[in-house]
Amino acid sequence: MSLPDGRVLGYDEYGPADGLPVFYFHGVPSSRLDFLMFGSDSLAERLGLRVVAVDRPGCGESDFQRLRKIVDWPADVLVLADSLGLDRFSVLGWSGGGPYALACAATLAGRVSTATVVSSLGPFDVPGLTSAVSSASMRFFRLNRDHPAVGRLFDRLMALGLRKGPEKFMARTLDALSAIDRDAMSSPQVAPAYMAAVNECFRSGLRGGQVDAAVVASPWDFNPHDIDAPVFLWHGGRDLDAPPAMGRWIAGAVPKCHAQFYSEEGHISLLVNRAESVLRCLVK
């Protein structure tokens, strides 16, 4: 769809057209396609959910947006919701999509009925929250945030590696994961969805993915204390990309947060193993 400033916003839909509307926000670096790691059209259909998975600016089919911040995202979501005739809706964010879901809940009062965050990143500038982040993830975020040109080179190598040698790319990805996330990612359904989502992120160039990583690793420009809607938080105790400290901080900062921590789950395994439970929670 076309936005008022002329940009194009790309999205996919899953489930029945008259289902309970849920906007899904993807991870980093990723695209709307990573919903297929999490759910499927048949699952959304069975649960009666109309899932709208949206590409953030510069990722997938969405046009790049200069100088954007997290708090700019709710305006795009609102235009899309209005164009689809959705007055009230839920938002669901995984990993790097979590802060965007919380920003929508904080700034779109009266439109967002509930927000759900799964393995959500927390603010990188809060002392102690990034101390347990894996070295590979921190390197990725710091390069893209602090050294954009080097970050884009890093992203280029990632994208080229994925396109030219997907097996080697997947092997390197698995090597960087914890054992529990490695098992989840090795699923014949999850690995192809992950590779497709990352590949789609860079379909229009490198700026979108680089800025998306830089923005989510920068200080939040909204106040989670302003969220009035119920927030459902799901977090793994073995998460090395968004450590449990991030989940605990969000749970403490959001007034109406219903938090569930799973000591044996990781960043990806929580998404894969608890997908139906998370989505089913939206229809209660």
Protein backbone atom coordinates (compact mmCIF):
# COMPACT_ATOMS: atom_id res chain seq x y z
CA MET A 1 0.00 0.00 0.00
CA SER A 2 1.04 3.65 -0.46
CA LEU A 3 1.63 5.85 2.57
CA PRO A 4 0.83 9.60 2.68
CA ASP A 5 4.49 10.54 2.15
CA GLY A 6 4.69 8.39 -0.99
CA ARG A 7 6.50 5.42 0.53
CA VAL A 8 5.28 1.90 -0.13
CA LEU A 9 4.54 -0.42 2.80
CA GLY A 10 4.69 -4.16 2.16
CA TYR A 11 2.69 -6.74 4.12
CA ASP A 12 1.30 -10.27 3.96
CA GLU A 13 -1.93 -11.57 5.46
CA TYR A 14 -2.67 -14.95 7.04
CA GLY A 15 -5.89 -16.40 8.37
CA PRO A 16 -9.53 -15.43 7.76
CA ALA A 17 -10.35 -11.92 6.53
CA ASP A 18 -12.94 -11.59 9.30
CA GLY A 19 -10.62 -12.93 11.99
CA LEU A 20 -9.35 -11.11 15.07
CA PRO A 21 -6.77 -8.66 13.65
CA VAL A 22 -3.16 -8.94 14.79
CA PHE A 23 -0.21 -6.97 13.37
CA TYR A 24 2.99 -9.01 13.41
CA PHE A 25 6.40 -7.28 13.60
CA HIS A 26 9.49 -9.22 12.52
CA GLY A 27 12.97 -9.62 14.00
CA VAL A 28 16.35 -8.17 12.92
CA PRO A 29 17.71 -8.62 10.26
CA SER A 30 14.49 -10.00 8.84
CA SER A 31 11.21 -9.29 7.11
CA ARG A 32 7.51 -10.06 7.21
CA LEU A 33 8.34 -13.64 6.14
CA ASP A 34 9.68 -14.64 9.54
CA PHE A 35 6.09 -15.08 10.72
CA LEU A 36 6.39 -18.44 8.95
CA MET A 37 8.99 -19.46 11.57
CA PHE A 38 6.36 -18.75 14.16
CA GLY A 39 3.04 -19.74 12.62
CA SER A 40 1.31 -20.54 9.37
CA ASP A 41 -1.78 -19.67 7.40
CA SER A 42 -3.46 -22.88 8.57
CA LEU A 43 -2.71 -22.13 12.24
CA ALA A 44 -4.03 -18.58 11.91
CA GLU A 45 -7.11 -19.96 10.15
CA ARG A 46 -7.73 -22.53 12.86
CA LEU A 47 -7.44 -19.94 15.63
CA GLY A 48 -9.52 -17.32 13.81
CA LEU A 49 -6.70 -14.76 13.65
CA ARG A 50 -6.20 -12.30 10.81
CA VAL A 51 -2.43 -11.87 10.99
CA VAL A 52 -0.99 -8.89 9.10
CA ALA A 53 2.80 -9.30 8.89
CA VAL A 54 4.43 -6.00 7.94
CA ASP A 55 7.86 -5.11 6.53
CA ARG A 56 9.50 -2.19 8.33
CA PRO A 57 10.95 0.62 6.20
CA GLY A 58 13.76 -0.51 3.89
CA CYS A 59 13.11 -4.20 4.60
CA GLY A 60 11.42 -6.54 2.15
CA GLU A 61 8.82 -4.69 0.08
CA SER A 62 8.70 -1.52 2.20
CA ASP A 63 10.47 1.61 0.98
CA PHE A 64 13.37 3.10 2.92
CA GLN A 65 12.67 5.94 5.37
CA ARG A 66 15.43 8.39 6.25
CA LEU A 67 16.21 9.32 9.86
CA ARG A 68 13.51 7.08 11.24
CA LYS A 69 13.07 6.13 14.90
CA ILE A 70 11.11 3.43 16.69
CA VAL A 71 8.35 5.91 17.51
CA ASP A 72 7.81 6.65 13.79
CA TRP A 73 6.54 3.10 13.23
CA PRO A 74 3.09 3.44 14.86
CA ALA A 75 2.11 6.09 12.29
CA ASP A 76 2.68 3.62 9.45
CA VAL A 77 0.75 0.93 11.31
CA LEU A 78 -2.14 3.31 11.88
CA VAL A 79 -2.39 4.17 8.18
CA LEU A 80 -2.35 0.48 7.29
CA ALA A 81 -4.98 -0.32 9.93
CA ASP A 82 -7.24 2.44 8.62
CA SER A 83 -6.81 1.24 5.03
CA LEU A 84 -7.80 -2.28 6.09
CA GLY A 85 -10.80 -0.98 8.04
CA LEU A 86 -9.43 -2.12 11.41
CA ASP A 87 -10.51 0.04 14.32
CA ARG A 88 -9.08 -2.12 17.12
CA PHE A 89 -6.24 -4.59 16.79
CA SER A 90 -3.52 -6.43 18.67
CA VAL A 91 0.21 -6.19 18.00
CA LEU A 92 2.73 -9.01 18.25
CA GLY A 93 6.50 -8.56 18.06
CA TRP A 94 9.27 -11.13 18.11
CA SER A 95 12.88 -10.27 19.01
CA GLY A 96 13.69 -6.91 17.39
CA GLY A 97 9.99 -6.49 16.63
CA GLY A 98 9.18 -6.37 20.34
CA PRO A 99 10.12 -2.71 20.90
CA TYR A 100 7.99 -1.72 17.89
CA ALA A 101 4.98 -3.56 19.34
CA LEU A 102 5.49 -1.79 22.66
CA ALA A 103 5.81 1.58 20.90
CA CYS A 104 2.46 1.00 19.19
CA ALA A 105 0.86 0.12 22.52
CA ALA A 106 2.35 3.26 24.11
CA THR A 107 1.32 5.72 21.39
CA LEU A 108 -1.85 4.30 19.83
CA ALA A 109 -4.04 4.31 22.92
CA GLY A 110 -7.59 3.33 22.08
CA ARG A 111 -6.57 1.40 18.96
CA VAL A 112 -4.27 -1.32 20.37
CA SER A 113 -6.26 -3.82 22.43
CA THR A 114 -3.30 -5.97 23.54
CA ALA A 115 0.42 -6.22 22.86
CA THR A 116 2.42 -9.45 22.90
CA VAL A 117 6.21 -9.60 22.88
CA VAL A 118 8.18 -12.82 22.41
CA SER A 119 11.95 -12.94 23.09
CA SER A 120 11.89 -9.15 22.91
CA LEU A 121 14.98 -6.99 22.85
CA GLY A 122 15.14 -4.39 25.58
CA PRO A 123 16.78 -0.95 25.47
CA PHE A 124 20.52 -1.22 24.90
CA ASP A 125 21.33 1.87 26.98
CA VAL A 126 19.98 0.51 30.28
CA PRO A 127 22.93 -0.64 32.41
CA GLY A 128 23.29 -4.39 32.62
CA LEU A 129 20.77 -5.40 29.97
CA THR A 130 23.32 -6.21 27.26
CA SER A 131 26.00 -7.80 29.45
CA ALA A 132 24.81 -11.34 28.64
CA VAL A 133 24.10 -10.78 24.93
CA SER A 134 26.16 -13.16 22.78
CA SER A 135 29.32 -11.69 21.27
CA ALA A 136 28.06 -12.40 17.72
CA SER A 137 24.82 -10.48 18.31
CA MET A 138 26.56 -7.55 19.98
CA ARG A 139 29.05 -7.31 17.13
CA PHE A 140 26.20 -7.23 14.62
CA PHE A 141 24.28 -4.51 16.45
CA ARG A 142 27.33 -2.37 17.28
CA LEU A 143 28.65 -2.43 13.72
CA ASN A 144 25.29 -1.45 12.27
CA ARG A 145 24.66 1.23 14.89
CA ASP A 146 28.11 2.76 15.44
CA HIS A 147 29.85 2.07 12.12
CA PRO A 148 27.13 2.12 9.41
CA ALA A 149 29.49 1.68 6.45
CA VAL A 150 31.19 -1.30 8.09
CA GLY A 151 27.80 -2.61 9.15
CA ARG A 152 26.54 -2.53 5.58
CA LEU A 153 29.67 -4.39 4.47
CA PHE A 154 28.98 -7.01 7.15
CA ASP A 155 25.36 -7.21 5.97
CA ARG A 156 26.49 -7.51 2.34
CA LEU A 157 28.68 -10.49 3.19
CA MET A 158 25.77 -12.03 5.07
CA ALA A 159 23.36 -11.53 2.17
CA LEU A 160 25.86 -12.79 -0.42
CA GLY A 161 26.70 -15.81 1.70
CA LEU A 162 23.03 -16.67 2.00
CA ARG A 163 22.38 -16.37 -1.74
CA LYS A 164 25.53 -18.06 -2.97
CA GLY A 165 25.91 -20.78 -0.35
CA PRO A 166 22.79 -21.28 1.77
CA GLU A 167 24.09 -24.52 3.30
CA LYS A 168 27.30 -22.87 4.53
CA PHE A 169 25.33 -19.83 5.70
CA MET A 170 23.02 -22.05 7.71
CA ALA A 171 25.94 -23.99 9.17
CA ARG A 172 27.60 -20.75 10.37
CA THR A 173 24.28 -19.56 11.80
CA LEU A 174 23.81 -22.79 13.73
CA ASP A 175 27.36 -22.63 15.09
CA ALA A 176 26.59 -19.26 16.71
CA LEU A 177 23.46 -20.52 18.49
CA SER A 178 22.95 -22.18 21.83
CA ALA A 179 22.18 -25.90 21.74
CA ILE A 180 18.46 -25.43 22.35
CA ASP A 181 18.13 -22.78 19.64
CA ARG A 182 20.25 -24.89 17.29
CA ASP A 183 17.78 -27.74 17.67
CA ALA A 184 14.82 -25.43 17.02
CA MET A 185 16.45 -23.80 14.00
CA SER A 186 17.37 -27.19 12.52
CA SER A 187 13.69 -28.00 11.98
CA PRO A 188 12.91 -28.57 8.28
CA GLN A 189 10.19 -25.93 8.52
CA VAL A 190 12.06 -23.29 10.51
CA ALA A 191 15.42 -23.12 8.69
CA PRO A 192 13.94 -22.38 5.21
CA ALA A 193 11.61 -19.75 6.70
CA TYR A 194 14.53 -18.08 8.49
CA MET A 195 16.70 -17.97 5.36
CA ALA A 196 13.82 -16.65 3.25
CA ALA A 197 13.08 -13.92 5.79
CA VAL A 198 16.72 -12.74 5.99
CA ASN A 199 17.12 -12.86 2.21
CA GLU A 200 13.93 -10.83 1.79
CA CYS A 201 15.20 -8.22 4.25
CA PHE A 202 17.94 -7.19 1.81
CA ARG A 203 15.97 -7.52 -1.42
CA SER A 204 16.07 -3.75 -2.10
CA GLY A 205 19.57 -3.07 -0.78
CA LEU A 206 21.47 -2.91 2.47
CA ARG A 207 20.39 0.39 4.03
CA GLY A 208 17.07 -0.89 5.33
CA GLY A 209 18.47 -3.79 7.30
CA GLN A 210 21.40 -1.77 8.60
CA VAL A 211 19.18 1.07 9.83
CA ASP A 212 16.67 -1.38 11.30
CA ALA A 213 19.44 -2.91 13.42
CA ALA A 214 20.82 0.52 14.37
CA VAL A 215 17.42 1.86 15.44
CA VAL A 216 16.52 -1.08 17.67
CA ALA A 217 19.95 -0.90 19.36
CA SER A 218 19.53 2.83 20.09
CA PRO A 219 17.77 4.38 23.12
CA TRP A 220 14.02 3.97 23.07
CA ASP A 221 12.15 7.15 22.18
CA PHE A 222 8.91 6.14 23.88
CA ASN A 223 8.05 5.44 27.51
CA PRO A 224 6.84 1.90 28.29
CA HIS A 225 5.24 3.30 31.46
CA ASP A 226 2.70 5.00 29.16
CA ILE A 227 1.28 1.69 27.97
CA ASP A 228 -2.27 1.23 29.22
CA ALA A 229 -3.18 -1.88 27.20
CA PRO A 230 -2.44 -5.35 28.60
CA VAL A 231 0.97 -6.66 27.53
CA PHE A 232 1.78 -10.37 27.39
CA LEU A 233 5.49 -11.15 27.59
CA TRP A 234 7.04 -14.51 26.75
CA HIS A 235 10.76 -14.94 27.41
CA GLY A 236 13.28 -17.78 27.56
CA GLY A 237 15.75 -18.30 30.36
CA ARG A 238 18.42 -19.46 27.91
CA ASP A 239 18.06 -16.56 25.50
CA LEU A 240 21.51 -15.32 24.42
CA ASP A 241 20.23 -12.68 21.96
CA ALA A 242 17.71 -11.01 24.26
CA PRO A 243 18.85 -12.21 27.71
CA PRO A 244 16.28 -12.72 30.50
CA ALA A 245 17.35 -9.40 32.06
CA MET A 246 15.73 -7.65 29.09
CA GLY A 247 12.47 -9.48 29.65
CA ARG A 248 12.52 -8.74 33.36
CA TRP A 249 13.16 -5.05 32.69
CA ILE A 250 10.21 -4.84 30.28
CA ALA A 251 7.99 -6.70 32.74
CA GLY A 252 8.89 -4.17 35.43
CA ALA A 253 8.51 -1.11 33.20
CA VAL A 254 5.11 -1.92 31.66
CA PRO A 255 2.19 -1.35 34.06
CA LYS A 256 -0.11 -4.17 32.91
CA CYS A 257 2.47 -6.77 31.91
CA HIS A 258 1.64 -10.46 32.24
CA ALA A 259 5.05 -12.13 32.01
CA GLN A 260 5.87 -15.77 31.47
CA PHE A 261 9.47 -16.99 31.65
CA TYR A 262 10.51 -20.45 30.52
CA SER A 263 13.83 -21.44 32.03
CA GLU A 264 14.64 -24.08 29.41
CA GLU A 265 13.77 -22.03 26.29
CA GLY A 266 16.04 -19.87 24.13
CA HIS A 267 15.54 -17.03 21.68
CA ILE A 268 14.28 -19.13 18.79
CA SER A 269 13.09 -22.25 20.61
CA LEU A 270 10.51 -20.24 22.54
CA LEU A 271 9.11 -18.95 19.26
CA VAL A 272 9.00 -22.43 17.72
CA ASN A 273 7.90 -24.53 20.71
CA ARG A 274 5.30 -22.16 22.14
CA ALA A 275 3.90 -20.68 18.91
CA GLU A 276 0.38 -22.01 19.23
CA SER A 277 0.17 -21.10 22.92
CA VAL A 278 1.25 -17.53 22.17
CA LEU A 279 -1.22 -17.13 19.31
CA ARG A 280 -4.00 -18.85 21.25
CA CYS A 281 -3.50 -16.31 24.05
CA LEU A 282 -4.53 -13.58 21.61
CA VAL A 283 -8.02 -15.01 21.18
CA LYS A 284 -8.85 -15.41 24.88
